[in-house]
Amino acid sequence: MLRIFLLLPLSLALYLATANSHAQAEDDRGYALGVGVSADNADGFTAIALADVSFSEAASLSASVGTTRAAARPEDLRTREWSIGGRYDFGAVGIEARGGQSGDPDDFDAKDLMFGLFHQGEQWRVSLQYLERDIDLVLRTSRSQQAFEFAVPLQAEGWRLATSYRTESRWRWYGQYRQFDYDRDLSPLSNRFIVERLTPTTLTLATSLLDDSLSVGMEVPLGGSKALNVAFARDTLAGDLGSVDSASFGMLVPVGQRGDLDINIGISQGDDNFGNDSTFYLNVLYLFYGLF
């Protein structure tokens, strides 16, 4: 049973704890607001808004909401997502939690929950998270609008290990690994219609039914808040639906005294299940920072 609604009292508890325990830490109180868009050469388009509020150096809350449109058969695919989470650092160890929902009720609807522990020092950050998913997958027997549809409920549990290291010269190396176990064998569900419907572009649901995922990257400082970022990832889908490899190159540049612009370009390519087609994409995110 997905415990997503525990996030609301948890978020409230985090807020009350930080508001009372760190009322004196005015310099640590701040926020970041962001708006971004993504597009690819397969007519995919995403818009997203996010917010992060720090009540102190030890605690923060964050939220995001987004929507994606992509050309697909038999009709265009439109998805939406939202998430809310919080973290609290007790010193040597901190806790974090996040929950949300993504997809389209007519095709794929997933509710996600994460609980984790992390350790963050001056140079290292390591986190281990428990993941839970509650999925409603709608299958079609063909591409036509008159195709027979049936729903397949899925549940999955998984874990995620993530780490990052920042050198004294401010270079940052990072990586993560995720893995899921599903409550049923998805191999009988593997057919061309699932792939064509859920994966028309990189920006949609290409990696929604993850079996495991591995990504690595590095960030190179250029002075001030400027930085270059390079990342690589491989996502393997459950049920023999295939895998997707991706690579991205990004730059973070200051905009005025209280903003940053994060620009990323990338390429992703699926295996034979995806026709070995490559997709090029561009992400642009503007971040604005403020103090209470």
C-alpha atoms as a PDB file:
ATOM      1  CA  MET A   1       0.000   0.000   0.000  1.00  0.00           C
ATOM      2  CA  LEU A   2       1.520   3.276  -1.088  1.00  0.00           C
ATOM      3  CA  ARG A   3       2.125   5.594   1.870  1.00  0.00           C
ATOM      4  CA  ILE A   4       2.283   8.808  -0.114  1.00  0.00           C
ATOM      5  CA  PHE A   5      -0.002  10.788   2.179  1.00  0.00           C
ATOM      6  CA  LEU A   6       2.544  10.491   5.004  1.00  0.00           C
ATOM      7  CA  LEU A   7       4.489  13.198   3.207  1.00  0.00           C
ATOM      8  CA  LEU A   8       2.015  15.904   4.175  1.00  0.00           C
ATOM      9  CA  PRO A   9       2.349  15.499   7.967  1.00  0.00           C
ATOM     10  CA  LEU A  10       6.078  14.921   7.501  1.00  0.00           C
ATOM     11  CA  SER A  11       6.433  18.176   5.582  1.00  0.00           C
ATOM     12  CA  LEU A  12       4.441  20.023   8.235  1.00  0.00           C
ATOM     13  CA  ALA A  13       6.579  18.525  10.997  1.00  0.00           C
ATOM     14  CA  LEU A  14       9.745  19.574   9.211  1.00  0.00           C
ATOM     15  CA  TYR A  15       8.428  23.095   8.854  1.00  0.00           C
ATOM     16  CA  LEU A  16       7.456  23.419  12.506  1.00  0.00           C
ATOM     17  CA  ALA A  17      10.720  21.908  13.709  1.00  0.00           C
ATOM     18  CA  THR A  18      12.879  24.203  11.621  1.00  0.00           C
ATOM     19  CA  ALA A  19      10.795  27.288  12.307  1.00  0.00           C
ATOM     20  CA  ASN A  20      11.115  26.776  16.050  1.00  0.00           C
ATOM     21  CA  SER A  21      14.644  25.367  16.331  1.00  0.00           C
ATOM     22  CA  HIS A  22      16.390  27.684  13.922  1.00  0.00           C
ATOM     23  CA  ALA A  23      14.582  30.979  14.278  1.00  0.00           C
ATOM     24  CA  GLN A  24      17.922  32.654  14.865  1.00  0.00           C
ATOM     25  CA  ALA A  25      19.496  31.475  11.585  1.00  0.00           C
ATOM     26  CA  GLU A  26      18.305  34.350   9.422  1.00  0.00           C
ATOM     27  CA  ASP A  27      21.268  34.049   7.056  1.00  0.00           C
ATOM     28  CA  ASP A  28      20.353  30.423   6.283  1.00  0.00           C
ATOM     29  CA  ARG A  29      16.785  31.193   5.289  1.00  0.00           C
ATOM     30  CA  GLY A  30      16.226  31.513   1.594  1.00  0.00           C
ATOM     31  CA  TYR A  31      14.425  30.184  -1.434  1.00  0.00           C
ATOM     32  CA  ALA A  32      14.949  29.283  -5.062  1.00  0.00           C
ATOM     33  CA  LEU A  33      12.266  29.488  -7.742  1.00  0.00           C
ATOM     34  CA  GLY A  34      12.649  27.934 -11.159  1.00  0.00           C
ATOM     35  CA  VAL A  35      10.850  27.700 -14.492  1.00  0.00           C
ATOM     36  CA  GLY A  36      12.040  25.589 -17.372  1.00  0.00           C
ATOM     37  CA  VAL A  37      11.208  24.125 -20.767  1.00  0.00           C
ATOM     38  CA  SER A  38      12.493  21.093 -22.662  1.00  0.00           C
ATOM     39  CA  ALA A  39      12.068  20.146 -26.311  1.00  0.00           C
ATOM     40  CA  ASP A  40      13.342  17.425 -28.612  1.00  0.00           C
ATOM     41  CA  ASN A  41      13.416  16.677 -32.334  1.00  0.00           C
ATOM     42  CA  ALA A  42      10.509  14.232 -32.011  1.00  0.00           C
ATOM     43  CA  ASP A  43       7.951  16.970 -31.215  1.00  0.00           C
ATOM     44  CA  GLY A  44       8.189  16.503 -27.469  1.00  0.00           C
ATOM     45  CA  PHE A  45       7.765  19.558 -25.234  1.00  0.00           C
ATOM     46  CA  THR A  46       7.869  19.886 -21.440  1.00  0.00           C
ATOM     47  CA  ALA A  47       7.221  22.839 -19.124  1.00  0.00           C
ATOM     48  CA  ILE A  48       8.132  22.724 -15.437  1.00  0.00           C
ATOM     49  CA  ALA A  49       8.071  24.976 -12.374  1.00  0.00           C
ATOM     50  CA  LEU A  50       9.830  24.307  -9.076  1.00  0.00           C
ATOM     51  CA  ALA A  51      10.466  25.847  -5.682  1.00  0.00           C
ATOM     52  CA  ASP A  52      12.909  25.111  -2.878  1.00  0.00           C
ATOM     53  CA  VAL A  53      12.628  26.768   0.540  1.00  0.00           C
ATOM     54  CA  SER A  54      15.421  26.562   3.134  1.00  0.00           C
ATOM     55  CA  PHE A  55      14.337  27.241   6.709  1.00  0.00           C
ATOM     56  CA  SER A  56      17.896  26.782   7.940  1.00  0.00           C
ATOM     57  CA  GLU A  57      21.162  25.217   6.841  1.00  0.00           C
ATOM     58  CA  ALA A  58      19.784  21.896   8.063  1.00  0.00           C
ATOM     59  CA  ALA A  59      16.263  21.781   6.641  1.00  0.00           C
ATOM     60  CA  SER A  60      14.379  22.545   3.457  1.00  0.00           C
ATOM     61  CA  LEU A  61      11.204  21.758   1.543  1.00  0.00           C
ATOM     62  CA  SER A  62      10.854  21.509  -2.230  1.00  0.00           C
ATOM     63  CA  ALA A  63       8.075  21.050  -4.771  1.00  0.00           C
ATOM     64  CA  SER A  64       7.713  20.833  -8.529  1.00  0.00           C
ATOM     65  CA  VAL A  65       4.975  20.578 -11.142  1.00  0.00           C
ATOM     66  CA  GLY A  66       5.253  19.929 -14.866  1.00  0.00           C
ATOM     67  CA  THR A  67       3.498  18.836 -18.014  1.00  0.00           C
ATOM     68  CA  THR A  68       4.625  17.171 -21.254  1.00  0.00           C
ATOM     69  CA  ARG A  69       3.091  16.910 -24.718  1.00  0.00           C
ATOM     70  CA  ALA A  70       4.306  14.534 -27.426  1.00  0.00           C
ATOM     71  CA  ALA A  71       3.076  13.277 -30.781  1.00  0.00           C
ATOM     72  CA  ALA A  72       2.050   9.625 -30.547  1.00  0.00           C
ATOM     73  CA  ARG A  73      -0.389   7.111 -32.034  1.00  0.00           C
ATOM     74  CA  PRO A  74      -3.349   6.834 -32.047  1.00  0.00           C
ATOM     75  CA  GLU A  75      -3.495  10.263 -30.372  1.00  0.00           C
ATOM     76  CA  ASP A  76      -1.064  12.717 -28.819  1.00  0.00           C
ATOM     77  CA  LEU A  77       0.341  11.813 -25.427  1.00  0.00           C
ATOM     78  CA  ARG A  78      -0.069  14.375 -22.653  1.00  0.00           C
ATOM     79  CA  THR A  79       1.407  13.726 -19.239  1.00  0.00           C
ATOM     80  CA  ARG A  80       1.719  15.706 -16.014  1.00  0.00           C
ATOM     81  CA  GLU A  81       3.733  15.327 -12.870  1.00  0.00           C
ATOM     82  CA  TRP A  82       4.060  16.830  -9.417  1.00  0.00           C
ATOM     83  CA  SER A  83       6.179  16.122  -6.368  1.00  0.00           C
ATOM     84  CA  ILE A  84       6.769  17.462  -2.872  1.00  0.00           C
ATOM     85  CA  GLY A  85       9.491  16.584  -0.405  1.00  0.00           C
ATOM     86  CA  GLY A  86      11.642  17.661   2.490  1.00  0.00           C
ATOM     87  CA  ARG A  87      14.942  16.995   4.247  1.00  0.00           C
ATOM     88  CA  TYR A  88      16.395  17.504   7.705  1.00  0.00           C
ATOM     89  CA  ASP A  89      20.054  17.192   8.658  1.00  0.00           C
ATOM     90  CA  PHE A  90      20.650  16.102  12.267  1.00  0.00           C
ATOM     91  CA  GLY A  91      24.403  16.402  11.923  1.00  0.00           C
ATOM     92  CA  ALA A  92      26.151  13.174  10.998  1.00  0.00           C
ATOM     93  CA  VAL A  93      23.002  11.793   9.343  1.00  0.00           C
ATOM     94  CA  GLY A  94      19.951  13.385   7.737  1.00  0.00           C
ATOM     95  CA  ILE A  95      16.551  12.171   6.598  1.00  0.00           C
ATOM     96  CA  GLU A  96      14.694  12.952   3.397  1.00  0.00           C
ATOM     97  CA  ALA A  97      11.327  12.072   1.894  1.00  0.00           C
ATOM     98  CA  ARG A  98       9.537  12.780  -1.342  1.00  0.00           C
ATOM     99  CA  GLY A  99       6.291  11.767  -2.998  1.00  0.00           C
ATOM    100  CA  GLY A 100       4.447  12.577  -6.180  1.00  0.00           C
ATOM    101  CA  GLN A 101       2.513  11.463  -9.183  1.00  0.00           C
ATOM    102  CA  SER A 102       3.354  11.284 -12.893  1.00  0.00           C
ATOM    103  CA  GLY A 103       1.898  10.122 -16.183  1.00  0.00           C
ATOM    104  CA  ASP A 104      -1.537  10.136 -17.786  1.00  0.00           C
ATOM    105  CA  PRO A 105      -4.508   8.203 -16.327  1.00  0.00           C
ATOM    106  CA  ASP A 106      -5.437   7.080 -19.859  1.00  0.00           C
ATOM    107  CA  ASP A 107      -2.059   5.409 -20.444  1.00  0.00           C
ATOM    108  CA  PHE A 108       0.260   5.261 -17.456  1.00  0.00           C
ATOM    109  CA  ASP A 109      -0.287   6.683 -13.995  1.00  0.00           C
ATOM    110  CA  ALA A 110       2.367   6.272 -11.301  1.00  0.00           C
ATOM    111  CA  LYS A 111       2.368   7.343  -7.661  1.00  0.00           C
ATOM    112  CA  ASP A 112       5.850   7.446  -6.164  1.00  0.00           C
ATOM    113  CA  LEU A 113       7.203   7.546  -2.635  1.00  0.00           C
ATOM    114  CA  MET A 114      10.774   7.848  -1.363  1.00  0.00           C
ATOM    115  CA  PHE A 115      12.291   7.698   2.123  1.00  0.00           C
ATOM    116  CA  GLY A 116      16.022   8.019   2.612  1.00  0.00           C
ATOM    117  CA  LEU A 117      19.014   8.607   4.837  1.00  0.00           C
ATOM    118  CA  PHE A 118      21.977  10.737   3.825  1.00  0.00           C
ATOM    119  CA  HIS A 119      25.320  11.955   5.087  1.00  0.00           C
ATOM    120  CA  GLN A 120      26.637  15.264   3.824  1.00  0.00           C
ATOM    121  CA  GLY A 121      30.057  16.670   4.626  1.00  0.00           C
ATOM    122  CA  GLU A 122      32.216  19.384   3.167  1.00  0.00           C
ATOM    123  CA  GLN A 123      33.230  17.190   0.227  1.00  0.00           C
ATOM    124  CA  TRP A 124      31.100  14.001   0.305  1.00  0.00           C
ATOM    125  CA  ARG A 125      27.384  13.365   0.059  1.00  0.00           C
ATOM    126  CA  VAL A 126      26.035   9.801   0.206  1.00  0.00           C
ATOM    127  CA  SER A 127      22.365   8.823   0.298  1.00  0.00           C
ATOM    128  CA  LEU A 128      20.478   5.523   0.418  1.00  0.00           C
ATOM    129  CA  GLN A 129      16.783   5.624  -0.422  1.00  0.00           C
ATOM    130  CA  TYR A 130      13.827   3.263  -0.309  1.00  0.00           C
ATOM    131  CA  LEU A 131      11.498   3.623  -3.317  1.00  0.00           C
ATOM    132  CA  GLU A 132       7.891   2.551  -3.739  1.00  0.00           C
ATOM    133  CA  ARG A 133       5.684   2.790  -6.826  1.00  0.00           C
ATOM    134  CA  ASP A 134       1.981   2.198  -7.426  1.00  0.00           C
ATOM    135  CA  ILE A 135       1.306   2.042 -11.187  1.00  0.00           C
ATOM    136  CA  ASP A 136      -1.808   1.804 -13.358  1.00  0.00           C
ATOM    137  CA  LEU A 137      -0.764   0.719 -16.867  1.00  0.00           C
ATOM    138  CA  VAL A 138      -3.315   0.777 -19.704  1.00  0.00           C
ATOM    139  CA  LEU A 139      -2.581  -1.616 -22.584  1.00  0.00           C
ATOM    140  CA  ARG A 140      -3.976  -1.533 -26.116  1.00  0.00           C
ATOM    141  CA  THR A 141      -4.254  -4.403 -28.568  1.00  0.00           C
ATOM    142  CA  SER A 142      -3.430  -2.175 -31.560  1.00  0.00           C
ATOM    143  CA  ARG A 143      -2.632   1.410 -32.599  1.00  0.00           C
ATOM    144  CA  SER A 144      -6.175   2.323 -33.648  1.00  0.00           C
ATOM    145  CA  GLN A 145      -8.509   4.404 -31.494  1.00  0.00           C
ATOM    146  CA  GLN A 146     -10.960   1.472 -31.526  1.00  0.00           C
ATOM    147  CA  ALA A 147      -8.394  -0.851 -29.984  1.00  0.00           C
ATOM    148  CA  PHE A 148      -9.409  -2.976 -27.016  1.00  0.00           C
ATOM    149  CA  GLU A 149      -7.979  -1.576 -23.766  1.00  0.00           C
ATOM    150  CA  PHE A 150      -7.374  -3.198 -20.416  1.00  0.00           C
ATOM    151  CA  ALA A 151      -5.744  -1.948 -17.224  1.00  0.00           C
ATOM    152  CA  VAL A 152      -2.845  -3.690 -15.481  1.00  0.00           C
ATOM    153  CA  PRO A 153      -2.153  -2.584 -11.873  1.00  0.00           C
ATOM    154  CA  LEU A 154       1.480  -2.845 -10.826  1.00  0.00           C
ATOM    155  CA  GLN A 155       3.378  -2.320  -7.612  1.00  0.00           C
ATOM    156  CA  ALA A 156       7.120  -2.029  -7.269  1.00  0.00           C
ATOM    157  CA  GLU A 157       9.683  -1.587  -4.528  1.00  0.00           C
ATOM    158  CA  GLY A 158      13.228  -0.457  -5.075  1.00  0.00           C
ATOM    159  CA  TRP A 159      16.256   1.345  -3.756  1.00  0.00           C
ATOM    160  CA  ARG A 160      18.611   4.072  -4.897  1.00  0.00           C
ATOM    161  CA  LEU A 161      22.231   4.722  -3.955  1.00  0.00           C
ATOM    162  CA  ALA A 162      23.635   8.136  -4.862  1.00  0.00           C
ATOM    163  CA  THR A 163      26.966   9.759  -4.089  1.00  0.00           C
ATOM    164  CA  SER A 164      28.895  12.864  -5.000  1.00  0.00           C
ATOM    165  CA  TYR A 165      32.388  14.135  -4.228  1.00  0.00           C
ATOM    166  CA  ARG A 166      33.708  17.676  -4.587  1.00  0.00           C
ATOM    167  CA  THR A 167      37.454  18.172  -4.787  1.00  0.00           C
ATOM    168  CA  GLU A 168      39.327  21.053  -3.218  1.00  0.00           C
ATOM    169  CA  SER A 169      39.457  22.690  -6.656  1.00  0.00           C
ATOM    170  CA  ARG A 170      35.622  22.496  -6.705  1.00  0.00           C
ATOM    171  CA  TRP A 171      35.311  19.789  -9.347  1.00  0.00           C
ATOM    172  CA  ARG A 172      32.331  17.561  -8.531  1.00  0.00           C
ATOM    173  CA  TRP A 173      31.943  13.886  -9.452  1.00  0.00           C
ATOM    174  CA  TYR A 174      28.599  12.141  -8.935  1.00  0.00           C
ATOM    175  CA  GLY A 175      26.715   8.964  -9.714  1.00  0.00           C
ATOM    176  CA  GLN A 176      23.627   6.969  -8.826  1.00  0.00           C
ATOM    177  CA  TYR A 177      22.145   3.505  -9.226  1.00  0.00           C
ATOM    178  CA  ARG A 178      18.440   2.557  -8.982  1.00  0.00           C
ATOM    179  CA  GLN A 179      16.745  -0.816  -9.076  1.00  0.00           C
ATOM    180  CA  PHE A 180      13.085  -1.930  -8.885  1.00  0.00           C
ATOM    181  CA  ASP A 181      11.335  -5.241  -8.227  1.00  0.00           C
ATOM    182  CA  TYR A 182       7.777  -5.592  -9.569  1.00  0.00           C
ATOM    183  CA  ASP A 183       4.989  -7.687  -8.111  1.00  0.00           C
ATOM    184  CA  ARG A 184       4.444  -9.506 -11.407  1.00  0.00           C
ATOM    185  CA  ASP A 185       6.420 -10.703 -14.410  1.00  0.00           C
ATOM    186  CA  LEU A 186       6.182  -8.008 -17.070  1.00  0.00           C
ATOM    187  CA  SER A 187       7.587 -10.105 -19.930  1.00  0.00           C
ATOM    188  CA  PRO A 188       4.122 -11.115 -21.250  1.00  0.00           C
ATOM    189  CA  LEU A 189       3.287  -7.406 -21.497  1.00  0.00           C
ATOM    190  CA  SER A 190       6.215  -6.689 -23.803  1.00  0.00           C
ATOM    191  CA  ASN A 191       4.928  -5.839 -27.234  1.00  0.00           C
ATOM    192  CA  ARG A 192       5.509  -3.193 -29.839  1.00  0.00           C
ATOM    193  CA  PHE A 193       2.346  -1.265 -28.960  1.00  0.00           C
ATOM    194  CA  ILE A 194       3.530  -0.577 -25.406  1.00  0.00           C
ATOM    195  CA  VAL A 195       6.855   0.767 -26.651  1.00  0.00           C
ATOM    196  CA  GLU A 196       5.297   2.900 -29.387  1.00  0.00           C
ATOM    197  CA  ARG A 197       2.681   4.361 -27.073  1.00  0.00           C
ATOM    198  CA  LEU A 198       4.783   5.069 -24.012  1.00  0.00           C
ATOM    199  CA  THR A 199       8.036   6.082 -25.689  1.00  0.00           C
ATOM    200  CA  PRO A 200       7.401   8.416 -28.642  1.00  0.00           C
ATOM    201  CA  THR A 201      10.126  10.789 -27.415  1.00  0.00           C
ATOM    202  CA  THR A 202      12.832  11.088 -24.798  1.00  0.00           C
ATOM    203  CA  LEU A 203      10.712  13.489 -22.765  1.00  0.00           C
ATOM    204  CA  THR A 204       7.726  11.234 -22.167  1.00  0.00           C
ATOM    205  CA  LEU A 205       7.498   7.811 -20.534  1.00  0.00           C
ATOM    206  CA  ALA A 206      10.526   6.093 -22.074  1.00  0.00           C
ATOM    207  CA  THR A 207      11.900   5.129 -18.662  1.00  0.00           C
ATOM    208  CA  SER A 208       8.731   4.869 -16.604  1.00  0.00           C
ATOM    209  CA  LEU A 209       8.892   1.085 -16.225  1.00  0.00           C
ATOM    210  CA  LEU A 210      12.480   1.024 -15.004  1.00  0.00           C
ATOM    211  CA  ASP A 211      14.179  -2.202 -14.055  1.00  0.00           C
ATOM    212  CA  ASP A 212      17.448  -0.487 -13.197  1.00  0.00           C
ATOM    213  CA  SER A 213      19.263   2.752 -13.998  1.00  0.00           C
ATOM    214  CA  LEU A 214      22.901   3.814 -13.779  1.00  0.00           C
ATOM    215  CA  SER A 215      24.201   7.358 -14.307  1.00  0.00           C
ATOM    216  CA  VAL A 216      27.508   9.151 -13.765  1.00  0.00           C
ATOM    217  CA  GLY A 217      28.648  12.704 -14.341  1.00  0.00           C
ATOM    218  CA  MET A 218      31.032  15.493 -13.475  1.00  0.00           C
ATOM    219  CA  GLU A 219      30.747  19.240 -12.918  1.00  0.00           C
ATOM    220  CA  VAL A 220      33.629  21.579 -13.747  1.00  0.00           C
ATOM    221  CA  PRO A 221      33.663  25.082 -12.157  1.00  0.00           C
ATOM    222  CA  LEU A 222      34.452  28.048 -14.392  1.00  0.00           C
ATOM    223  CA  GLY A 223      34.565  30.755 -11.734  1.00  0.00           C
ATOM    224  CA  GLY A 224      31.720  32.297  -9.757  1.00  0.00           C
ATOM    225  CA  SER A 225      28.580  30.275 -10.303  1.00  0.00           C
ATOM    226  CA  LYS A 226      29.587  29.281 -13.838  1.00  0.00           C
ATOM    227  CA  ALA A 227      30.038  25.554 -14.398  1.00  0.00           C
ATOM    228  CA  LEU A 228      30.140  22.886 -17.088  1.00  0.00           C
ATOM    229  CA  ASN A 229      28.392  19.539 -16.613  1.00  0.00           C
ATOM    230  CA  VAL A 230      28.745  16.236 -18.487  1.00  0.00           C
ATOM    231  CA  ALA A 231      26.614  13.166 -17.706  1.00  0.00           C
ATOM    232  CA  PHE A 232      25.956   9.674 -19.057  1.00  0.00           C
ATOM    233  CA  ALA A 233      23.130   7.262 -18.207  1.00  0.00           C
ATOM    234  CA  ARG A 234      21.737   3.851 -19.108  1.00  0.00           C
ATOM    235  CA  ASP A 235      18.108   3.028 -18.269  1.00  0.00           C
ATOM    236  CA  THR A 236      16.982  -0.597 -18.571  1.00  0.00           C
ATOM    237  CA  LEU A 237      13.238  -1.166 -18.758  1.00  0.00           C
ATOM    238  CA  ALA A 238      11.407  -4.018 -17.081  1.00  0.00           C
ATOM    239  CA  GLY A 239       9.767  -6.827 -19.018  1.00  0.00           C
ATOM    240  CA  ASP A 240      12.361  -6.885 -21.806  1.00  0.00           C
ATOM    241  CA  LEU A 241      11.062  -3.576 -23.127  1.00  0.00           C
ATOM    242  CA  GLY A 242      14.624  -2.537 -23.940  1.00  0.00           C
ATOM    243  CA  SER A 243      17.163   0.013 -22.769  1.00  0.00           C
ATOM    244  CA  VAL A 244      17.924   3.672 -23.412  1.00  0.00           C
ATOM    245  CA  ASP A 245      21.387   5.276 -23.355  1.00  0.00           C
ATOM    246  CA  SER A 246      21.782   9.031 -23.007  1.00  0.00           C
ATOM    247  CA  ALA A 247      24.519  11.642 -22.787  1.00  0.00           C
ATOM    248  CA  SER A 248      24.188  15.340 -21.945  1.00  0.00           C
ATOM    249  CA  PHE A 249      26.358  18.431 -21.835  1.00  0.00           C
ATOM    250  CA  GLY A 250      25.306  21.458 -19.789  1.00  0.00           C
ATOM    251  CA  MET A 251      26.383  24.905 -18.701  1.00  0.00           C
ATOM    252  CA  LEU A 252      25.322  26.952 -15.683  1.00  0.00           C
ATOM    253  CA  VAL A 253      25.703  30.715 -16.209  1.00  0.00           C
ATOM    254  CA  PRO A 254      24.729  33.627 -13.931  1.00  0.00           C
ATOM    255  CA  VAL A 255      21.898  35.931 -14.951  1.00  0.00           C
ATOM    256  CA  GLY A 256      22.087  39.138 -12.951  1.00  0.00           C
ATOM    257  CA  GLN A 257      23.008  38.985  -9.279  1.00  0.00           C
ATOM    258  CA  ARG A 258      20.223  36.644  -8.128  1.00  0.00           C
ATOM    259  CA  GLY A 259      19.698  34.202 -10.943  1.00  0.00           C
ATOM    260  CA  ASP A 260      21.252  31.341 -12.894  1.00  0.00           C
ATOM    261  CA  LEU A 261      20.482  29.839 -16.280  1.00  0.00           C
ATOM    262  CA  ASP A 262      21.009  26.091 -16.619  1.00  0.00           C
ATOM    263  CA  ILE A 263      21.248  24.962 -20.278  1.00  0.00           C
ATOM    264  CA  ASN A 264      21.603  21.304 -21.273  1.00  0.00           C
ATOM    265  CA  ILE A 265      21.777  19.600 -24.640  1.00  0.00           C
ATOM    266  CA  GLY A 266      21.724  15.850 -24.992  1.00  0.00           C
ATOM    267  CA  ILE A 267      21.157  12.773 -27.084  1.00  0.00           C
ATOM    268  CA  SER A 268      19.414   9.517 -26.208  1.00  0.00           C
ATOM    269  CA  GLN A 269      19.216   6.280 -28.160  1.00  0.00           C
ATOM    270  CA  GLY A 270      17.215   3.133 -27.561  1.00  0.00           C
ATOM    271  CA  ASP A 271      18.052  -0.394 -28.620  1.00  0.00           C
ATOM    272  CA  ASP A 272      16.267  -2.522 -31.224  1.00  0.00           C
ATOM    273  CA  ASN A 273      12.981  -2.259 -29.323  1.00  0.00           C
ATOM    274  CA  PHE A 274      13.028   1.473 -30.067  1.00  0.00           C
ATOM    275  CA  GLY A 275      14.202   1.121 -33.647  1.00  0.00           C
ATOM    276  CA  ASN A 276      17.697   2.352 -32.710  1.00  0.00           C
ATOM    277  CA  ASP A 277      16.479   5.922 -33.259  1.00  0.00           C
ATOM    278  CA  SER A 278      18.381   8.814 -31.692  1.00  0.00           C
ATOM    279  CA  THR A 279      16.622  11.742 -30.058  1.00  0.00           C
ATOM    280  CA  PHE A 280      18.237  15.141 -29.523  1.00  0.00           C
ATOM    281  CA  TYR A 281      16.902  17.350 -26.760  1.00  0.00           C
ATOM    282  CA  LEU A 282      17.421  20.784 -25.196  1.00  0.00           C
ATOM    283  CA  ASN A 283      16.633  21.767 -21.585  1.00  0.00           C
ATOM    284  CA  VAL A 284      16.604  25.369 -20.351  1.00  0.00           C
ATOM    285  CA  LEU A 285      15.966  26.168 -16.672  1.00  0.00           C
ATOM    286  CA  TYR A 286      16.019  29.623 -15.063  1.00  0.00           C
ATOM    287  CA  LEU A 287      16.612  29.794 -11.287  1.00  0.00           C
ATOM    288  CA  PHE A 288      15.963  32.832  -9.121  1.00  0.00           C
ATOM    289  CA  TYR A 289      17.348  33.044  -5.561  1.00  0.00           C
ATOM    290  CA  GLY A 290      16.102  35.111  -2.631  1.00  0.00           C
ATOM    291  CA  LEU A 291      16.354  35.557   1.138  1.00  0.00           C
ATOM    292  CA  PHE A 292      13.609  35.879   3.724  1.00  0.00           C
END
